[in-house]
């Protein structure tokens, strides 16, 4: 089966704008490029990827677009613009002229104000994203889910995807935390424009994680979003903190082993094309 990875990163820490990245973390604090991904995924049929921003700068988006223009592997780029600067609307329109630019992702998980996304000054950005036929990646934590629901409901024509199941706490969680995440994310089941990325789970789990730790979460999103609105992503190289590329891929395959081949084809290939409107 051909695979489209709907969420991966390339970066070069020497560029200097990955402010979240610890210089003391040897797994993350190194350059990752196309040849490294090709090596990491060589045992599976990785056909295309979506390259997602990891720095809150226009320069990093330009860096990613340059990689995409020189790589057949990368079919789409999810970049960044500053919603707090109205002049960035022109930058967004410029990025959108590149056929591989498919969407935007503010780094909301790193913004102290949990209500940031509700600022009415940002409405023009959401409207422009829709007008340009782009998509919106929602990065955050369960505390942000209610606000994301407000945005996704307000703009029913906005292609909206929840990154990493919204990062529920899997390591040493309790039933109350699970139920809180479950109850809010279930609200999205009535929104046709909202998809969910099957990614980022292992890094929310403990170092000695097992598939059974992840299963309640994967089962829940399969019930809510079904195979029609779930996109598999590696979150490589971040996933290397807990496993390797093929380790997470095999885990995701096992967690969906009760699905038909057609349903798996949706999650691991077709839905990425549909959601991001990839030109493949």
C-alpha atoms as a PDB file:
ATOM      1  CA  UNK A   1       0.000   0.000   0.000  1.00  0.00           C
ATOM      2  CA  UNK A   2       1.301   3.438  -0.941  1.00  0.00           C
ATOM      3  CA  UNK A   3       1.534   5.790   2.023  1.00  0.00           C
ATOM      4  CA  UNK A   4       1.109   9.547   2.316  1.00  0.00           C
ATOM      5  CA  UNK A   5       2.548  10.940   5.533  1.00  0.00           C
ATOM      6  CA  UNK A   6       0.268  13.878   6.364  1.00  0.00           C
ATOM      7  CA  UNK A   7       2.545  15.346   9.046  1.00  0.00           C
ATOM      8  CA  UNK A   8       6.340  15.435   9.113  1.00  0.00           C
ATOM      9  CA  UNK A   9       9.093  17.990   9.636  1.00  0.00           C
ATOM     10  CA  UNK A  10      12.476  18.945   8.259  1.00  0.00           C
ATOM     11  CA  UNK A  11      14.620  21.425  10.129  1.00  0.00           C
ATOM     12  CA  UNK A  12      18.078  22.846  10.573  1.00  0.00           C
ATOM     13  CA  UNK A  13      18.653  24.163  14.123  1.00  0.00           C
ATOM     14  CA  UNK A  14      21.511  26.359  12.884  1.00  0.00           C
ATOM     15  CA  UNK A  15      18.834  28.559  11.262  1.00  0.00           C
ATOM     16  CA  UNK A  16      18.092  29.776  14.785  1.00  0.00           C
ATOM     17  CA  UNK A  17      14.283  30.100  14.908  1.00  0.00           C
ATOM     18  CA  UNK A  18      13.215  26.851  16.581  1.00  0.00           C
ATOM     19  CA  UNK A  19      12.802  28.506  19.956  1.00  0.00           C
ATOM     20  CA  UNK A  20      10.960  25.548  21.511  1.00  0.00           C
ATOM     21  CA  UNK A  21      13.811  23.140  20.799  1.00  0.00           C
ATOM     22  CA  UNK A  22      16.157  22.300  23.655  1.00  0.00           C
ATOM     23  CA  UNK A  23      19.813  22.554  22.715  1.00  0.00           C
ATOM     24  CA  UNK A  24      20.403  19.717  25.171  1.00  0.00           C
ATOM     25  CA  UNK A  25      18.242  17.239  23.273  1.00  0.00           C
ATOM     26  CA  UNK A  26      20.478  15.306  20.862  1.00  0.00           C
ATOM     27  CA  UNK A  27      17.504  13.596  19.172  1.00  0.00           C
ATOM     28  CA  UNK A  28      15.813  16.830  18.135  1.00  0.00           C
ATOM     29  CA  UNK A  29      18.692  19.308  18.052  1.00  0.00           C
ATOM     30  CA  UNK A  30      20.195  18.202  14.728  1.00  0.00           C
ATOM     31  CA  UNK A  31      19.494  18.750  11.068  1.00  0.00           C
ATOM     32  CA  UNK A  32      16.864  16.554   9.433  1.00  0.00           C
ATOM     33  CA  UNK A  33      16.479  16.555   5.668  1.00  0.00           C
ATOM     34  CA  UNK A  34      14.916  14.542   2.835  1.00  0.00           C
ATOM     35  CA  UNK A  35      17.664  11.916   2.708  1.00  0.00           C
ATOM     36  CA  UNK A  36      17.169  11.189   6.419  1.00  0.00           C
ATOM     37  CA  UNK A  37      13.448  10.600   5.958  1.00  0.00           C
ATOM     38  CA  UNK A  38      14.053   8.402   2.934  1.00  0.00           C
ATOM     39  CA  UNK A  39      16.428   6.303   5.035  1.00  0.00           C
ATOM     40  CA  UNK A  40      14.068   6.168   8.039  1.00  0.00           C
ATOM     41  CA  UNK A  41      11.099   5.045   5.907  1.00  0.00           C
ATOM     42  CA  UNK A  42      12.879   2.763   3.438  1.00  0.00           C
ATOM     43  CA  UNK A  43      11.058  -0.391   4.580  1.00  0.00           C
ATOM     44  CA  UNK A  44       7.596   1.024   3.752  1.00  0.00           C
ATOM     45  CA  UNK A  45       6.138   2.421   0.524  1.00  0.00           C
ATOM     46  CA  UNK A  46       6.233   6.118   1.455  1.00  0.00           C
ATOM     47  CA  UNK A  47       4.939   7.907  -1.620  1.00  0.00           C
ATOM     48  CA  UNK A  48       4.425  11.552  -0.599  1.00  0.00           C
ATOM     49  CA  UNK A  49       4.472  13.736   2.507  1.00  0.00           C
ATOM     50  CA  UNK A  50       3.039  16.947   3.896  1.00  0.00           C
ATOM     51  CA  UNK A  51       5.792  19.075   5.430  1.00  0.00           C
ATOM     52  CA  UNK A  52       4.570  21.048   8.456  1.00  0.00           C
ATOM     53  CA  UNK A  53       6.022  24.199  10.011  1.00  0.00           C
ATOM     54  CA  UNK A  54       8.036  24.016  13.222  1.00  0.00           C
ATOM     55  CA  UNK A  55       9.027  27.676  13.687  1.00  0.00           C
ATOM     56  CA  UNK A  56       6.916  30.811  14.019  1.00  0.00           C
ATOM     57  CA  UNK A  57       8.630  32.692  11.192  1.00  0.00           C
ATOM     58  CA  UNK A  58       8.006  33.428   7.529  1.00  0.00           C
ATOM     59  CA  UNK A  59      11.632  32.492   6.894  1.00  0.00           C
ATOM     60  CA  UNK A  60      11.027  28.904   7.968  1.00  0.00           C
ATOM     61  CA  UNK A  61       8.041  28.649   5.621  1.00  0.00           C
ATOM     62  CA  UNK A  62      10.247  29.876   2.773  1.00  0.00           C
ATOM     63  CA  UNK A  63      12.875  27.304   3.832  1.00  0.00           C
ATOM     64  CA  UNK A  64      10.250  24.528   3.645  1.00  0.00           C
ATOM     65  CA  UNK A  65       8.900  25.682   0.278  1.00  0.00           C
ATOM     66  CA  UNK A  66      12.430  25.587  -1.104  1.00  0.00           C
ATOM     67  CA  UNK A  67      12.806  22.003   0.118  1.00  0.00           C
ATOM     68  CA  UNK A  68       9.455  21.088  -1.442  1.00  0.00           C
ATOM     69  CA  UNK A  69      10.334  22.653  -4.778  1.00  0.00           C
ATOM     70  CA  UNK A  70      13.440  20.471  -4.920  1.00  0.00           C
ATOM     71  CA  UNK A  71      11.849  17.236  -3.706  1.00  0.00           C
ATOM     72  CA  UNK A  72       9.291  14.994  -5.385  1.00  0.00           C
ATOM     73  CA  UNK A  73       8.593  13.409  -2.001  1.00  0.00           C
ATOM     74  CA  UNK A  74       7.065  16.564  -0.475  1.00  0.00           C
ATOM     75  CA  UNK A  75       3.671  17.258  -2.045  1.00  0.00           C
ATOM     76  CA  UNK A  76       2.435  19.943   0.357  1.00  0.00           C
ATOM     77  CA  UNK A  77       3.684  22.519   2.863  1.00  0.00           C
ATOM     78  CA  UNK A  78       1.768  23.800   5.886  1.00  0.00           C
ATOM     79  CA  UNK A  79       3.398  27.089   6.785  1.00  0.00           C
ATOM     80  CA  UNK A  80       3.117  29.978   9.222  1.00  0.00           C
ATOM     81  CA  UNK A  81       2.019  33.594   9.080  1.00  0.00           C
ATOM     82  CA  UNK A  82       1.636  36.059  11.936  1.00  0.00           C
ATOM     83  CA  UNK A  83      -2.095  36.513  12.619  1.00  0.00           C
ATOM     84  CA  UNK A  84      -1.212  39.419  14.914  1.00  0.00           C
ATOM     85  CA  UNK A  85       0.066  41.480  11.971  1.00  0.00           C
ATOM     86  CA  UNK A  86      -2.604  42.491   9.402  1.00  0.00           C
ATOM     87  CA  UNK A  87       0.167  43.140   6.867  1.00  0.00           C
ATOM     88  CA  UNK A  88       0.809  39.392   6.864  1.00  0.00           C
ATOM     89  CA  UNK A  89      -2.316  38.896   4.758  1.00  0.00           C
ATOM     90  CA  UNK A  90      -0.215  39.863   1.750  1.00  0.00           C
ATOM     91  CA  UNK A  91       2.455  37.361   2.810  1.00  0.00           C
ATOM     92  CA  UNK A  92      -0.228  34.678   3.009  1.00  0.00           C
ATOM     93  CA  UNK A  93      -1.387  35.519  -0.512  1.00  0.00           C
ATOM     94  CA  UNK A  94       2.204  35.349  -1.732  1.00  0.00           C
ATOM     95  CA  UNK A  95       2.754  31.936  -0.158  1.00  0.00           C
ATOM     96  CA  UNK A  96      -0.526  30.727  -1.684  1.00  0.00           C
ATOM     97  CA  UNK A  97       0.822  31.337  -5.188  1.00  0.00           C
ATOM     98  CA  UNK A  98       3.164  28.405  -4.656  1.00  0.00           C
ATOM     99  CA  UNK A  99       1.275  25.249  -5.748  1.00  0.00           C
ATOM    100  CA  UNK A 100       2.787  23.239  -2.892  1.00  0.00           C
ATOM    101  CA  UNK A 101       1.613  25.663  -0.195  1.00  0.00           C
ATOM    102  CA  UNK A 102      -1.517  24.022   1.221  1.00  0.00           C
ATOM    103  CA  UNK A 103      -2.268  25.551   4.611  1.00  0.00           C
ATOM    104  CA  UNK A 104      -1.263  27.424   7.743  1.00  0.00           C
ATOM    105  CA  UNK A 105      -0.587  26.494  11.350  1.00  0.00           C
ATOM    106  CA  UNK A 106      -0.213  29.017  14.180  1.00  0.00           C
ATOM    107  CA  UNK A 107       1.776  27.567  17.082  1.00  0.00           C
ATOM    108  CA  UNK A 108      -1.115  27.949  19.514  1.00  0.00           C
ATOM    109  CA  UNK A 109       0.244  25.383  21.969  1.00  0.00           C
ATOM    110  CA  UNK A 110       3.085  27.824  22.732  1.00  0.00           C
ATOM    111  CA  UNK A 111       0.902  30.941  23.138  1.00  0.00           C
ATOM    112  CA  UNK A 112       0.205  31.774  26.821  1.00  0.00           C
ATOM    113  CA  UNK A 113      -3.303  33.138  26.144  1.00  0.00           C
ATOM    114  CA  UNK A 114      -5.490  30.055  25.721  1.00  0.00           C
ATOM    115  CA  UNK A 115      -8.202  32.240  24.121  1.00  0.00           C
ATOM    116  CA  UNK A 116      -5.835  33.707  21.512  1.00  0.00           C
ATOM    117  CA  UNK A 117      -7.587  32.069  18.569  1.00  0.00           C
ATOM    118  CA  UNK A 118     -10.893  33.805  19.371  1.00  0.00           C
ATOM    119  CA  UNK A 119      -9.515  37.306  18.766  1.00  0.00           C
ATOM    120  CA  UNK A 120     -11.925  38.907  16.292  1.00  0.00           C
ATOM    121  CA  UNK A 121      -9.018  40.690  14.611  1.00  0.00           C
ATOM    122  CA  UNK A 122      -8.028  37.280  13.208  1.00  0.00           C
ATOM    123  CA  UNK A 123     -11.348  36.743  11.418  1.00  0.00           C
ATOM    124  CA  UNK A 124      -9.886  38.248   8.260  1.00  0.00           C
ATOM    125  CA  UNK A 125      -7.155  35.582   8.294  1.00  0.00           C
ATOM    126  CA  UNK A 126      -9.658  32.738   8.521  1.00  0.00           C
ATOM    127  CA  UNK A 127     -11.724  34.299   5.735  1.00  0.00           C
ATOM    128  CA  UNK A 128      -8.621  34.717   3.578  1.00  0.00           C
ATOM    129  CA  UNK A 129      -7.570  31.106   4.199  1.00  0.00           C
ATOM    130  CA  UNK A 130     -11.004  30.060   2.909  1.00  0.00           C
ATOM    131  CA  UNK A 131     -10.859  32.455  -0.048  1.00  0.00           C
ATOM    132  CA  UNK A 132      -7.428  31.108  -1.045  1.00  0.00           C
ATOM    133  CA  UNK A 133      -8.702  27.522  -0.727  1.00  0.00           C
ATOM    134  CA  UNK A 134      -6.129  26.694   1.950  1.00  0.00           C
ATOM    135  CA  UNK A 135      -6.493  24.692   5.162  1.00  0.00           C
ATOM    136  CA  UNK A 136      -5.959  25.255   8.882  1.00  0.00           C
ATOM    137  CA  UNK A 137      -3.959  22.949  11.165  1.00  0.00           C
ATOM    138  CA  UNK A 138      -5.060  23.224  14.805  1.00  0.00           C
ATOM    139  CA  UNK A 139      -2.109  22.709  17.150  1.00  0.00           C
ATOM    140  CA  UNK A 140      -2.810  22.782  20.856  1.00  0.00           C
ATOM    141  CA  UNK A 141      -3.828  20.841  23.938  1.00  0.00           C
ATOM    142  CA  UNK A 142      -7.208  19.648  25.249  1.00  0.00           C
ATOM    143  CA  UNK A 143      -7.619  23.033  26.950  1.00  0.00           C
ATOM    144  CA  UNK A 144      -7.889  24.578  23.463  1.00  0.00           C
ATOM    145  CA  UNK A 145     -10.544  22.220  22.104  1.00  0.00           C
ATOM    146  CA  UNK A 146     -13.588  24.300  23.025  1.00  0.00           C
ATOM    147  CA  UNK A 147     -12.169  27.377  21.299  1.00  0.00           C
ATOM    148  CA  UNK A 148     -11.233  25.371  18.216  1.00  0.00           C
ATOM    149  CA  UNK A 149     -14.794  24.061  18.132  1.00  0.00           C
ATOM    150  CA  UNK A 150     -16.042  27.662  18.097  1.00  0.00           C
ATOM    151  CA  UNK A 151     -13.787  28.522  15.141  1.00  0.00           C
ATOM    152  CA  UNK A 152     -14.567  25.365  13.173  1.00  0.00           C
ATOM    153  CA  UNK A 153     -18.302  25.965  13.702  1.00  0.00           C
ATOM    154  CA  UNK A 154     -18.061  29.632  12.783  1.00  0.00           C
ATOM    155  CA  UNK A 155     -16.380  28.823   9.451  1.00  0.00           C
ATOM    156  CA  UNK A 156     -18.024  25.656   8.072  1.00  0.00           C
ATOM    157  CA  UNK A 157     -16.187  26.028   4.753  1.00  0.00           C
ATOM    158  CA  UNK A 158     -12.780  26.138   6.485  1.00  0.00           C
ATOM    159  CA  UNK A 159     -10.888  22.873   6.001  1.00  0.00           C
ATOM    160  CA  UNK A 160      -9.857  22.268   9.600  1.00  0.00           C
ATOM    161  CA  UNK A 161      -7.668  19.471  10.964  1.00  0.00           C
ATOM    162  CA  UNK A 162      -6.917  18.641  14.602  1.00  0.00           C
ATOM    163  CA  UNK A 163      -3.209  17.867  14.968  1.00  0.00           C
ATOM    164  CA  UNK A 164      -2.103  14.901  17.103  1.00  0.00           C
ATOM    165  CA  UNK A 165      -5.605  14.245  18.525  1.00  0.00           C
ATOM    166  CA  UNK A 166      -5.054  17.607  20.316  1.00  0.00           C
ATOM    167  CA  UNK A 167      -2.282  16.050  22.418  1.00  0.00           C
ATOM    168  CA  UNK A 168      -4.235  14.324  25.182  1.00  0.00           C
ATOM    169  CA  UNK A 169      -2.092  13.296  28.136  1.00  0.00           C
ATOM    170  CA  UNK A 170      -1.468   9.566  27.695  1.00  0.00           C
ATOM    171  CA  UNK A 171       1.409   9.070  30.137  1.00  0.00           C
ATOM    172  CA  UNK A 172       0.124   8.535  33.698  1.00  0.00           C
ATOM    173  CA  UNK A 173      -3.266   9.929  32.791  1.00  0.00           C
ATOM    174  CA  UNK A 174      -6.367   9.380  34.884  1.00  0.00           C
ATOM    175  CA  UNK A 175      -9.967   8.663  33.903  1.00  0.00           C
ATOM    176  CA  UNK A 176     -11.000  12.265  34.547  1.00  0.00           C
ATOM    177  CA  UNK A 177      -8.414  13.581  32.047  1.00  0.00           C
ATOM    178  CA  UNK A 178      -9.415  10.987  29.462  1.00  0.00           C
ATOM    179  CA  UNK A 179     -13.118  11.757  29.877  1.00  0.00           C
ATOM    180  CA  UNK A 180     -12.494  15.509  29.564  1.00  0.00           C
ATOM    181  CA  UNK A 181     -10.670  15.028  26.264  1.00  0.00           C
ATOM    182  CA  UNK A 182     -13.195  12.474  25.029  1.00  0.00           C
ATOM    183  CA  UNK A 183     -16.256  14.578  25.845  1.00  0.00           C
ATOM    184  CA  UNK A 184     -14.984  17.707  24.112  1.00  0.00           C
ATOM    185  CA  UNK A 185     -13.502  16.070  21.026  1.00  0.00           C
ATOM    186  CA  UNK A 186     -16.785  14.215  20.513  1.00  0.00           C
ATOM    187  CA  UNK A 187     -18.435  17.582  19.851  1.00  0.00           C
ATOM    188  CA  UNK A 188     -16.557  17.736  16.542  1.00  0.00           C
ATOM    189  CA  UNK A 189     -18.421  14.718  15.183  1.00  0.00           C
ATOM    190  CA  UNK A 190     -21.182  16.983  13.842  1.00  0.00           C
ATOM    191  CA  UNK A 191     -18.803  19.238  11.894  1.00  0.00           C
ATOM    192  CA  UNK A 192     -18.249  18.059   8.322  1.00  0.00           C
ATOM    193  CA  UNK A 193     -15.236  20.341   7.819  1.00  0.00           C
ATOM    194  CA  UNK A 194     -13.151  18.908  10.682  1.00  0.00           C
ATOM    195  CA  UNK A 195     -10.610  16.112  10.249  1.00  0.00           C
ATOM    196  CA  UNK A 196      -8.168  14.608  12.752  1.00  0.00           C
ATOM    197  CA  UNK A 197      -4.524  13.608  12.394  1.00  0.00           C
ATOM    198  CA  UNK A 198      -3.635  10.157  13.665  1.00  0.00           C
ATOM    199  CA  UNK A 199      -0.217  11.314  14.851  1.00  0.00           C
ATOM    200  CA  UNK A 200       1.777  12.532  17.826  1.00  0.00           C
ATOM    201  CA  UNK A 201       0.456   9.889  20.206  1.00  0.00           C
ATOM    202  CA  UNK A 202       3.690   8.183  21.205  1.00  0.00           C
ATOM    203  CA  UNK A 203       5.262  11.415  22.431  1.00  0.00           C
ATOM    204  CA  UNK A 204       2.321  11.964  24.794  1.00  0.00           C
ATOM    205  CA  UNK A 205       2.850   8.449  26.180  1.00  0.00           C
ATOM    206  CA  UNK A 206       5.454   7.266  28.685  1.00  0.00           C
ATOM    207  CA  UNK A 207       8.864   6.038  27.560  1.00  0.00           C
ATOM    208  CA  UNK A 208       7.798   2.436  28.206  1.00  0.00           C
ATOM    209  CA  UNK A 209       4.517   2.859  26.287  1.00  0.00           C
ATOM    210  CA  UNK A 210       2.584  -0.015  24.780  1.00  0.00           C
ATOM    211  CA  UNK A 211      -0.086  -0.194  22.096  1.00  0.00           C
ATOM    212  CA  UNK A 212      -2.653  -0.766  24.831  1.00  0.00           C
ATOM    213  CA  UNK A 213      -1.830   2.686  26.234  1.00  0.00           C
ATOM    214  CA  UNK A 214      -2.749   4.256  22.899  1.00  0.00           C
ATOM    215  CA  UNK A 215      -5.745   2.124  21.996  1.00  0.00           C
ATOM    216  CA  UNK A 216      -8.457   4.000  23.969  1.00  0.00           C
ATOM    217  CA  UNK A 217      -7.486   7.195  22.132  1.00  0.00           C
ATOM    218  CA  UNK A 218      -7.250   5.695  18.661  1.00  0.00           C
ATOM    219  CA  UNK A 219     -10.529   3.841  19.187  1.00  0.00           C
ATOM    220  CA  UNK A 220     -12.203   7.089  20.172  1.00  0.00           C
ATOM    221  CA  UNK A 221     -11.113   9.048  17.112  1.00  0.00           C
ATOM    222  CA  UNK A 222     -12.096   6.144  14.867  1.00  0.00           C
ATOM    223  CA  UNK A 223     -15.602   6.345  16.344  1.00  0.00           C
ATOM    224  CA  UNK A 224     -15.793  10.136  16.048  1.00  0.00           C
ATOM    225  CA  UNK A 225     -14.142  10.813  12.694  1.00  0.00           C
ATOM    226  CA  UNK A 226     -14.297   7.341  11.062  1.00  0.00           C
ATOM    227  CA  UNK A 227     -11.912   6.298   8.327  1.00  0.00           C
ATOM    228  CA  UNK A 228     -13.341   9.101   6.159  1.00  0.00           C
ATOM    229  CA  UNK A 229     -11.817  11.979   8.156  1.00  0.00           C
ATOM    230  CA  UNK A 230      -8.603  10.676   9.735  1.00  0.00           C
ATOM    231  CA  UNK A 231      -5.148  11.312   8.252  1.00  0.00           C
ATOM    232  CA  UNK A 232      -2.119   9.310   9.340  1.00  0.00           C
ATOM    233  CA  UNK A 233       1.016  11.315  10.099  1.00  0.00           C
ATOM    234  CA  UNK A 234       4.394  10.315  11.482  1.00  0.00           C
ATOM    235  CA  UNK A 235       5.277  13.545  13.299  1.00  0.00           C
ATOM    236  CA  UNK A 236       8.830  12.529  12.376  1.00  0.00           C
ATOM    237  CA  UNK A 237      11.409  13.331  13.681  1.00  0.00           C
ATOM    238  CA  UNK A 238       9.591  14.223  16.921  1.00  0.00           C
ATOM    239  CA  UNK A 239       8.366  10.622  17.100  1.00  0.00           C
ATOM    240  CA  UNK A 240      12.019   9.587  17.502  1.00  0.00           C
ATOM    241  CA  UNK A 241      11.715  10.595  21.161  1.00  0.00           C
ATOM    242  CA  UNK A 242       9.718   7.387  21.724  1.00  0.00           C
ATOM    243  CA  UNK A 243      10.194   5.149  18.686  1.00  0.00           C
ATOM    244  CA  UNK A 244      11.379   5.325  15.086  1.00  0.00           C
ATOM    245  CA  UNK A 245       9.476   6.075  11.889  1.00  0.00           C
ATOM    246  CA  UNK A 246       8.605   2.475  11.054  1.00  0.00           C
ATOM    247  CA  UNK A 247       7.879   1.697  14.716  1.00  0.00           C
ATOM    248  CA  UNK A 248       5.096   4.277  14.812  1.00  0.00           C
ATOM    249  CA  UNK A 249       3.856   3.280  11.359  1.00  0.00           C
ATOM    250  CA  UNK A 250       3.568  -0.361  12.416  1.00  0.00           C
ATOM    251  CA  UNK A 251       1.843   0.664  15.639  1.00  0.00           C
ATOM    252  CA  UNK A 252      -0.686   2.737  13.689  1.00  0.00           C
ATOM    253  CA  UNK A 253      -1.291  -0.217  11.381  1.00  0.00           C
ATOM    254  CA  UNK A 254      -1.919  -2.462  14.389  1.00  0.00           C
ATOM    255  CA  UNK A 255      -4.280   0.058  15.981  1.00  0.00           C
ATOM    256  CA  UNK A 256      -6.371   0.007  12.797  1.00  0.00           C
ATOM    257  CA  UNK A 257      -6.142  -3.712  12.125  1.00  0.00           C
ATOM    258  CA  UNK A 258      -9.914  -4.164  12.466  1.00  0.00           C
ATOM    259  CA  UNK A 259     -10.479  -1.934   9.415  1.00  0.00           C
ATOM    260  CA  UNK A 260     -10.810  -3.083   5.825  1.00  0.00           C
ATOM    261  CA  UNK A 261      -8.071  -2.406   3.293  1.00  0.00           C
ATOM    262  CA  UNK A 262     -10.240   0.314   1.725  1.00  0.00           C
ATOM    263  CA  UNK A 263     -10.682   1.998   5.110  1.00  0.00           C
ATOM    264  CA  UNK A 264      -6.950   1.862   5.764  1.00  0.00           C
ATOM    265  CA  UNK A 265      -6.360   3.294   2.295  1.00  0.00           C
ATOM    266  CA  UNK A 266      -8.458   6.294   3.336  1.00  0.00           C
ATOM    267  CA  UNK A 267      -6.461   6.918   6.524  1.00  0.00           C
ATOM    268  CA  UNK A 268      -2.984   6.253   5.169  1.00  0.00           C
ATOM    269  CA  UNK A 269      -3.383   7.763   1.681  1.00  0.00           C
ATOM    270  CA  UNK A 270      -6.635   9.125   0.260  1.00  0.00           C
ATOM    271  CA  UNK A 271      -7.683  11.480   3.042  1.00  0.00           C
ATOM    272  CA  UNK A 272      -4.443  13.474   2.870  1.00  0.00           C
ATOM    273  CA  UNK A 273      -5.079  14.130  -0.828  1.00  0.00           C
ATOM    274  CA  UNK A 274      -8.707  15.042  -0.162  1.00  0.00           C
ATOM    275  CA  UNK A 275      -8.107  17.308   2.833  1.00  0.00           C
ATOM    276  CA  UNK A 276      -5.046  19.162   1.570  1.00  0.00           C
ATOM    277  CA  UNK A 277      -6.098  19.011  -2.103  1.00  0.00           C
ATOM    278  CA  UNK A 278      -2.671  17.646  -2.959  1.00  0.00           C
ATOM    279  CA  UNK A 279      -1.743  17.783  -6.626  1.00  0.00           C
ATOM    280  CA  UNK A 280      -0.698  14.167  -7.130  1.00  0.00           C
END
